């Protein structure tokens, strides 16, 4: 594959990975931007801080491949596949918009920080509300880490850095979309409905891609022959 084809494929896979793991995060941003007690700069700063932590943990997958064969790391591709199947099951008892908003509100309440940090008001990155948003981002980040870890491990260092750069750019786009959609409730409702339908299939597709890239299916075929 030439460099142009490799670049396009990497960007498309990275966009798919970000999209599948951040639909819930977009809904959370829409909710936060609609709250009068949250300033825009605190939401954006908290989102980036939380995502930096997620990416830092996910890079362990790249360095872990030097200790563990890549084909074995590819078994982590089952994680997004399982997530997709679980979300597909959730489509059966469809939630109303009110129930979905209540679920996000519950996440918001659980992620509250102790009031002892309220003195950190000097900059957006040292603000109480910023760290609330950061904790909420981390709370929604388990599927991000489980997806990004094998994705980073399946490529080179340049591949990983390109994906990280793309993800950080898309975080800014996500914040802009969240702020814009927060002013348009009908649009937010449509994203919540159609996003939930497409999300499971995107997860499953991404999981298969990770396993193919890591050579996990070839390893499975060899293990079956040994039996």
C-alpha atoms as a PDB file:
ATOM      1  CA  UNK A   1       0.000   0.000   0.000  1.00  0.00           C
ATOM      2  CA  UNK A   2       1.402   3.438  -0.937  1.00  0.00           C
ATOM      3  CA  UNK A   3       1.770   6.248   1.600  1.00  0.00           C
ATOM      4  CA  UNK A   4      -1.355   8.074   0.446  1.00  0.00           C
ATOM      5  CA  UNK A   5      -3.473   4.930   0.764  1.00  0.00           C
ATOM      6  CA  UNK A   6      -1.972   4.170   4.186  1.00  0.00           C
ATOM      7  CA  UNK A   7      -2.696   7.711   5.364  1.00  0.00           C
ATOM      8  CA  UNK A   8      -6.303   7.641   4.176  1.00  0.00           C
ATOM      9  CA  UNK A   9      -6.910   4.220   5.741  1.00  0.00           C
ATOM     10  CA  UNK A  10      -5.394   5.302   9.053  1.00  0.00           C
ATOM     11  CA  UNK A  11      -7.490   8.468   9.166  1.00  0.00           C
ATOM     12  CA  UNK A  12     -10.693   6.606   8.290  1.00  0.00           C
ATOM     13  CA  UNK A  13     -10.093   3.921  10.923  1.00  0.00           C
ATOM     14  CA  UNK A  14      -9.165   6.594  13.465  1.00  0.00           C
ATOM     15  CA  UNK A  15     -12.334   8.541  12.721  1.00  0.00           C
ATOM     16  CA  UNK A  16     -14.420   5.366  13.039  1.00  0.00           C
ATOM     17  CA  UNK A  17     -12.719   4.505  16.336  1.00  0.00           C
ATOM     18  CA  UNK A  18     -13.348   7.988  17.716  1.00  0.00           C
ATOM     19  CA  UNK A  19     -16.943   8.050  16.502  1.00  0.00           C
ATOM     20  CA  UNK A  20     -17.862   4.681  18.000  1.00  0.00           C
ATOM     21  CA  UNK A  21     -16.341   5.466  21.386  1.00  0.00           C
ATOM     22  CA  UNK A  22     -17.581   9.036  21.776  1.00  0.00           C
ATOM     23  CA  UNK A  23     -21.286   9.076  20.915  1.00  0.00           C
ATOM     24  CA  UNK A  24     -22.096   8.984  24.644  1.00  0.00           C
ATOM     25  CA  UNK A  25     -19.484  11.653  25.213  1.00  0.00           C
ATOM     26  CA  UNK A  26     -21.168  13.931  22.681  1.00  0.00           C
ATOM     27  CA  UNK A  27     -24.480  13.529  24.508  1.00  0.00           C
ATOM     28  CA  UNK A  28     -22.693  14.358  27.758  1.00  0.00           C
ATOM     29  CA  UNK A  29     -21.171  17.492  26.202  1.00  0.00           C
ATOM     30  CA  UNK A  30     -24.581  18.568  24.925  1.00  0.00           C
ATOM     31  CA  UNK A  31     -25.936  18.269  28.451  1.00  0.00           C
ATOM     32  CA  UNK A  32     -23.008  20.130  30.037  1.00  0.00           C
ATOM     33  CA  UNK A  33     -23.104  22.999  27.546  1.00  0.00           C
ATOM     34  CA  UNK A  34     -26.818  23.377  28.240  1.00  0.00           C
ATOM     35  CA  UNK A  35     -26.147  23.885  31.980  1.00  0.00           C
ATOM     36  CA  UNK A  36     -25.867  27.570  32.982  1.00  0.00           C
ATOM     37  CA  UNK A  37     -23.419  26.790  35.824  1.00  0.00           C
ATOM     38  CA  UNK A  38     -20.803  25.351  33.424  1.00  0.00           C
ATOM     39  CA  UNK A  39     -18.641  27.787  31.487  1.00  0.00           C
ATOM     40  CA  UNK A  40     -17.557  26.781  27.993  1.00  0.00           C
ATOM     41  CA  UNK A  41     -13.835  27.028  28.730  1.00  0.00           C
ATOM     42  CA  UNK A  42     -14.164  24.734  31.755  1.00  0.00           C
ATOM     43  CA  UNK A  43     -16.023  22.088  29.751  1.00  0.00           C
ATOM     44  CA  UNK A  44     -13.436  22.174  26.954  1.00  0.00           C
ATOM     45  CA  UNK A  45     -10.478  22.116  29.365  1.00  0.00           C
ATOM     46  CA  UNK A  46     -11.947  19.218  31.353  1.00  0.00           C
ATOM     47  CA  UNK A  47     -12.688  17.289  28.190  1.00  0.00           C
ATOM     48  CA  UNK A  48      -9.091  17.607  26.992  1.00  0.00           C
ATOM     49  CA  UNK A  49      -7.608  16.729  30.386  1.00  0.00           C
ATOM     50  CA  UNK A  50      -9.731  13.578  30.594  1.00  0.00           C
ATOM     51  CA  UNK A  51      -8.873  12.598  27.039  1.00  0.00           C
ATOM     52  CA  UNK A  52      -5.142  13.092  27.633  1.00  0.00           C
ATOM     53  CA  UNK A  53      -5.357  10.561  30.455  1.00  0.00           C
ATOM     54  CA  UNK A  54      -7.312   8.121  28.261  1.00  0.00           C
ATOM     55  CA  UNK A  55      -4.717   8.389  25.479  1.00  0.00           C
ATOM     56  CA  UNK A  56      -1.835   8.033  27.928  1.00  0.00           C
ATOM     57  CA  UNK A  57      -3.266   4.776  29.289  1.00  0.00           C
ATOM     58  CA  UNK A  58      -4.050   3.543  25.775  1.00  0.00           C
ATOM     59  CA  UNK A  59      -0.445   3.993  24.612  1.00  0.00           C
ATOM     60  CA  UNK A  60       0.501   1.137  26.945  1.00  0.00           C
ATOM     61  CA  UNK A  61      -0.901  -1.141  24.237  1.00  0.00           C
ATOM     62  CA  UNK A  62       1.748   0.051  21.776  1.00  0.00           C
ATOM     63  CA  UNK A  63       4.639  -0.515  24.166  1.00  0.00           C
ATOM     64  CA  UNK A  64       3.096  -3.750  25.427  1.00  0.00           C
ATOM     65  CA  UNK A  65       3.504  -5.368  22.011  1.00  0.00           C
ATOM     66  CA  UNK A  66       7.246  -5.521  22.646  1.00  0.00           C
ATOM     67  CA  UNK A  67       6.529  -7.849  25.576  1.00  0.00           C
ATOM     68  CA  UNK A  68       3.597  -9.789  24.105  1.00  0.00           C
ATOM     69  CA  UNK A  69       3.141 -10.999  20.486  1.00  0.00           C
ATOM     70  CA  UNK A  70       0.917  -8.645  18.488  1.00  0.00           C
ATOM     71  CA  UNK A  71      -1.476 -11.454  17.520  1.00  0.00           C
ATOM     72  CA  UNK A  72      -2.279 -12.053  21.196  1.00  0.00           C
ATOM     73  CA  UNK A  73      -2.855  -8.343  21.829  1.00  0.00           C
ATOM     74  CA  UNK A  74      -5.315  -8.478  18.925  1.00  0.00           C
ATOM     75  CA  UNK A  75      -7.655 -10.545  21.104  1.00  0.00           C
ATOM     76  CA  UNK A  76      -8.556  -7.204  22.675  1.00  0.00           C
ATOM     77  CA  UNK A  77     -10.463  -6.650  19.439  1.00  0.00           C
ATOM     78  CA  UNK A  78     -13.151  -8.805  21.001  1.00  0.00           C
ATOM     79  CA  UNK A  79     -13.835  -5.938  23.416  1.00  0.00           C
ATOM     80  CA  UNK A  80     -15.393  -3.526  20.868  1.00  0.00           C
ATOM     81  CA  UNK A  81     -17.203  -6.504  19.300  1.00  0.00           C
ATOM     82  CA  UNK A  82     -18.727  -7.378  22.676  1.00  0.00           C
ATOM     83  CA  UNK A  83     -19.542  -3.721  23.270  1.00  0.00           C
ATOM     84  CA  UNK A  84     -21.295  -3.623  19.905  1.00  0.00           C
ATOM     85  CA  UNK A  85     -23.318  -6.737  20.687  1.00  0.00           C
ATOM     86  CA  UNK A  86     -24.296  -5.338  24.084  1.00  0.00           C
ATOM     87  CA  UNK A  87     -25.396  -2.043  22.551  1.00  0.00           C
ATOM     88  CA  UNK A  88     -27.323  -3.984  19.905  1.00  0.00           C
ATOM     89  CA  UNK A  89     -29.176  -5.740  22.708  1.00  0.00           C
ATOM     90  CA  UNK A  90     -29.951  -2.373  24.289  1.00  0.00           C
ATOM     91  CA  UNK A  91     -31.805  -1.382  21.129  1.00  0.00           C
ATOM     92  CA  UNK A  92     -34.557  -3.896  21.908  1.00  0.00           C
ATOM     93  CA  UNK A  93     -36.090  -2.051  24.892  1.00  0.00           C
ATOM     94  CA  UNK A  94     -35.797   1.411  23.339  1.00  0.00           C
ATOM     95  CA  UNK A  95     -35.175   4.261  25.709  1.00  0.00           C
ATOM     96  CA  UNK A  96     -37.039   7.507  25.472  1.00  0.00           C
ATOM     97  CA  UNK A  97     -35.199  10.774  25.259  1.00  0.00           C
ATOM     98  CA  UNK A  98     -36.188  11.509  28.848  1.00  0.00           C
ATOM     99  CA  UNK A  99     -34.694   8.229  30.090  1.00  0.00           C
ATOM    100  CA  UNK A 100     -31.476   8.787  28.134  1.00  0.00           C
ATOM    101  CA  UNK A 101     -31.124  12.269  29.590  1.00  0.00           C
ATOM    102  CA  UNK A 102     -31.724  10.867  33.070  1.00  0.00           C
ATOM    103  CA  UNK A 103     -28.935   8.298  32.518  1.00  0.00           C
ATOM    104  CA  UNK A 104     -26.461  11.035  31.569  1.00  0.00           C
ATOM    105  CA  UNK A 105     -27.580  13.137  34.537  1.00  0.00           C
ATOM    106  CA  UNK A 106     -26.883  10.164  36.813  1.00  0.00           C
ATOM    107  CA  UNK A 107     -23.332   9.937  35.428  1.00  0.00           C
ATOM    108  CA  UNK A 108     -22.970  13.653  36.078  1.00  0.00           C
ATOM    109  CA  UNK A 109     -23.995  13.292  39.720  1.00  0.00           C
ATOM    110  CA  UNK A 110     -21.716  10.302  40.349  1.00  0.00           C
ATOM    111  CA  UNK A 111     -18.708  12.131  38.927  1.00  0.00           C
ATOM    112  CA  UNK A 112     -18.947  15.115  41.312  1.00  0.00           C
ATOM    113  CA  UNK A 113     -15.720  16.050  43.101  1.00  0.00           C
ATOM    114  CA  UNK A 114     -15.334  16.993  46.771  1.00  0.00           C
ATOM    115  CA  UNK A 115     -16.052  20.627  47.557  1.00  0.00           C
ATOM    116  CA  UNK A 116     -12.567  21.058  49.057  1.00  0.00           C
ATOM    117  CA  UNK A 117     -11.206  21.728  45.565  1.00  0.00           C
ATOM    118  CA  UNK A 118     -13.355  24.825  44.976  1.00  0.00           C
ATOM    119  CA  UNK A 119     -10.425  27.137  45.753  1.00  0.00           C
ATOM    120  CA  UNK A 120      -8.805  26.173  42.410  1.00  0.00           C
ATOM    121  CA  UNK A 121     -10.268  29.007  40.360  1.00  0.00           C
ATOM    122  CA  UNK A 122      -7.222  30.695  38.846  1.00  0.00           C
ATOM    123  CA  UNK A 123      -7.290  29.190  35.341  1.00  0.00           C
ATOM    124  CA  UNK A 124      -9.628  26.859  33.412  1.00  0.00           C
ATOM    125  CA  UNK A 125      -7.195  23.989  34.033  1.00  0.00           C
ATOM    126  CA  UNK A 126      -7.265  24.618  37.788  1.00  0.00           C
ATOM    127  CA  UNK A 127     -10.979  25.026  38.223  1.00  0.00           C
ATOM    128  CA  UNK A 128     -13.437  22.886  40.165  1.00  0.00           C
ATOM    129  CA  UNK A 129     -15.817  22.562  37.219  1.00  0.00           C
ATOM    130  CA  UNK A 130     -12.937  21.563  34.927  1.00  0.00           C
ATOM    131  CA  UNK A 131     -12.063  18.573  37.073  1.00  0.00           C
ATOM    132  CA  UNK A 132     -15.694  17.566  37.293  1.00  0.00           C
ATOM    133  CA  UNK A 133     -15.799  17.395  33.506  1.00  0.00           C
ATOM    134  CA  UNK A 134     -12.473  15.525  33.471  1.00  0.00           C
ATOM    135  CA  UNK A 135     -13.840  12.866  35.835  1.00  0.00           C
ATOM    136  CA  UNK A 136     -16.984  12.517  33.761  1.00  0.00           C
ATOM    137  CA  UNK A 137     -14.854  12.079  30.630  1.00  0.00           C
ATOM    138  CA  UNK A 138     -12.808   9.397  32.362  1.00  0.00           C
ATOM    139  CA  UNK A 139     -15.977   7.750  33.636  1.00  0.00           C
ATOM    140  CA  UNK A 140     -17.146   7.372  30.039  1.00  0.00           C
ATOM    141  CA  UNK A 141     -13.679   6.360  28.829  1.00  0.00           C
ATOM    142  CA  UNK A 142     -13.553   2.626  29.502  1.00  0.00           C
ATOM    143  CA  UNK A 143     -14.658   1.763  25.965  1.00  0.00           C
ATOM    144  CA  UNK A 144     -12.176   4.334  24.594  1.00  0.00           C
ATOM    145  CA  UNK A 145      -9.247   2.661  26.351  1.00  0.00           C
ATOM    146  CA  UNK A 146     -10.332  -0.870  25.434  1.00  0.00           C
ATOM    147  CA  UNK A 147     -10.618   0.187  21.776  1.00  0.00           C
ATOM    148  CA  UNK A 148      -7.575   2.464  21.428  1.00  0.00           C
ATOM    149  CA  UNK A 149      -5.158   0.090  23.206  1.00  0.00           C
ATOM    150  CA  UNK A 150      -5.187  -2.666  20.527  1.00  0.00           C
ATOM    151  CA  UNK A 151      -5.578  -0.060  17.772  1.00  0.00           C
ATOM    152  CA  UNK A 152      -2.331   1.634  18.817  1.00  0.00           C
ATOM    153  CA  UNK A 153      -0.619  -1.735  19.216  1.00  0.00           C
ATOM    154  CA  UNK A 154      -1.551  -2.818  15.678  1.00  0.00           C
ATOM    155  CA  UNK A 155       0.605  -0.175  13.975  1.00  0.00           C
ATOM    156  CA  UNK A 156       3.903   1.678  14.070  1.00  0.00           C
ATOM    157  CA  UNK A 157       4.880   4.587  16.307  1.00  0.00           C
ATOM    158  CA  UNK A 158       4.053   7.024  13.482  1.00  0.00           C
ATOM    159  CA  UNK A 159       0.663   5.316  13.086  1.00  0.00           C
ATOM    160  CA  UNK A 160      -0.035   5.803  16.807  1.00  0.00           C
ATOM    161  CA  UNK A 161       1.056   9.465  16.808  1.00  0.00           C
ATOM    162  CA  UNK A 162      -1.103  10.173  13.763  1.00  0.00           C
ATOM    163  CA  UNK A 163      -4.126   8.647  15.505  1.00  0.00           C
ATOM    164  CA  UNK A 164      -3.429  10.605  18.704  1.00  0.00           C
ATOM    165  CA  UNK A 165      -3.189  13.860  16.716  1.00  0.00           C
ATOM    166  CA  UNK A 166      -6.449  13.032  14.940  1.00  0.00           C
ATOM    167  CA  UNK A 167      -8.209  12.218  18.228  1.00  0.00           C
ATOM    168  CA  UNK A 168      -7.095  15.482  19.848  1.00  0.00           C
ATOM    169  CA  UNK A 169      -8.343  17.405  16.816  1.00  0.00           C
ATOM    170  CA  UNK A 170     -11.665  15.563  16.925  1.00  0.00           C
ATOM    171  CA  UNK A 171     -12.065  16.370  20.638  1.00  0.00           C
ATOM    172  CA  UNK A 172     -12.157  20.034  19.645  1.00  0.00           C
ATOM    173  CA  UNK A 173     -14.678  19.269  16.901  1.00  0.00           C
ATOM    174  CA  UNK A 174     -16.758  17.305  19.414  1.00  0.00           C
ATOM    175  CA  UNK A 175     -16.771  20.265  21.825  1.00  0.00           C
ATOM    176  CA  UNK A 176     -17.887  22.580  19.027  1.00  0.00           C
ATOM    177  CA  UNK A 177     -20.657  20.163  17.998  1.00  0.00           C
ATOM    178  CA  UNK A 178     -21.760  19.708  21.600  1.00  0.00           C
ATOM    179  CA  UNK A 179     -22.006  23.457  22.125  1.00  0.00           C
ATOM    180  CA  UNK A 180     -23.834  24.003  18.825  1.00  0.00           C
ATOM    181  CA  UNK A 181     -26.279  21.123  19.265  1.00  0.00           C
ATOM    182  CA  UNK A 182     -27.030  22.179  22.850  1.00  0.00           C
ATOM    183  CA  UNK A 183     -28.841  25.151  21.308  1.00  0.00           C
ATOM    184  CA  UNK A 184     -30.888  22.881  19.022  1.00  0.00           C
ATOM    185  CA  UNK A 185     -32.817  20.296  21.108  1.00  0.00           C
ATOM    186  CA  UNK A 186     -34.538  18.630  18.092  1.00  0.00           C
ATOM    187  CA  UNK A 187     -31.138  17.957  16.503  1.00  0.00           C
ATOM    188  CA  UNK A 188     -29.800  16.542  19.770  1.00  0.00           C
ATOM    189  CA  UNK A 189     -32.747  14.157  19.881  1.00  0.00           C
ATOM    190  CA  UNK A 190     -32.075  12.925  16.333  1.00  0.00           C
ATOM    191  CA  UNK A 191     -28.391  12.262  17.100  1.00  0.00           C
ATOM    192  CA  UNK A 192     -29.384  10.310  20.188  1.00  0.00           C
ATOM    193  CA  UNK A 193     -31.830   8.158  18.228  1.00  0.00           C
ATOM    194  CA  UNK A 194     -29.904   7.377  15.026  1.00  0.00           C
ATOM    195  CA  UNK A 195     -26.502   7.294  16.710  1.00  0.00           C
ATOM    196  CA  UNK A 196     -27.656   4.460  18.974  1.00  0.00           C
ATOM    197  CA  UNK A 197     -28.777   2.438  15.951  1.00  0.00           C
ATOM    198  CA  UNK A 198     -25.544   2.760  13.958  1.00  0.00           C
ATOM    199  CA  UNK A 199     -23.154   2.563  16.909  1.00  0.00           C
ATOM    200  CA  UNK A 200     -23.281  -1.248  17.524  1.00  0.00           C
ATOM    201  CA  UNK A 201     -22.411  -2.066  13.910  1.00  0.00           C
ATOM    202  CA  UNK A 202     -19.510   0.399  13.904  1.00  0.00           C
ATOM    203  CA  UNK A 203     -18.121  -1.175  17.104  1.00  0.00           C
ATOM    204  CA  UNK A 204     -18.255  -4.672  15.610  1.00  0.00           C
ATOM    205  CA  UNK A 205     -16.615  -3.526  12.356  1.00  0.00           C
ATOM    206  CA  UNK A 206     -13.827  -1.843  14.313  1.00  0.00           C
ATOM    207  CA  UNK A 207     -13.214  -4.961  16.409  1.00  0.00           C
ATOM    208  CA  UNK A 208     -12.818  -7.136  13.317  1.00  0.00           C
ATOM    209  CA  UNK A 209     -10.444  -4.571  11.787  1.00  0.00           C
ATOM    210  CA  UNK A 210      -8.213  -4.652  14.884  1.00  0.00           C
ATOM    211  CA  UNK A 211      -8.066  -8.457  14.868  1.00  0.00           C
ATOM    212  CA  UNK A 212      -7.239  -8.579  11.156  1.00  0.00           C
ATOM    213  CA  UNK A 213      -4.497  -5.978  11.504  1.00  0.00           C
ATOM    214  CA  UNK A 214      -2.928  -7.840  14.435  1.00  0.00           C
ATOM    215  CA  UNK A 215      -3.081 -11.224  12.688  1.00  0.00           C
ATOM    216  CA  UNK A 216      -5.286 -12.665  15.415  1.00  0.00           C
ATOM    217  CA  UNK A 217      -7.455 -14.698  13.046  1.00  0.00           C
ATOM    218  CA  UNK A 218      -4.327 -16.366  11.658  1.00  0.00           C
ATOM    219  CA  UNK A 219      -3.299 -17.239  15.224  1.00  0.00           C
ATOM    220  CA  UNK A 220      -6.757 -18.670  15.902  1.00  0.00           C
ATOM    221  CA  UNK A 221      -6.495 -20.834  12.772  1.00  0.00           C
ATOM    222  CA  UNK A 222      -3.141 -22.175  13.971  1.00  0.00           C
ATOM    223  CA  UNK A 223      -4.525 -22.932  17.430  1.00  0.00           C
ATOM    224  CA  UNK A 224      -7.442 -24.833  15.893  1.00  0.00           C
ATOM    225  CA  UNK A 225      -5.042 -26.928  13.759  1.00  0.00           C
ATOM    226  CA  UNK A 226      -2.999 -27.827  16.835  1.00  0.00           C
ATOM    227  CA  UNK A 227      -6.116 -29.385  18.320  1.00  0.00           C
END
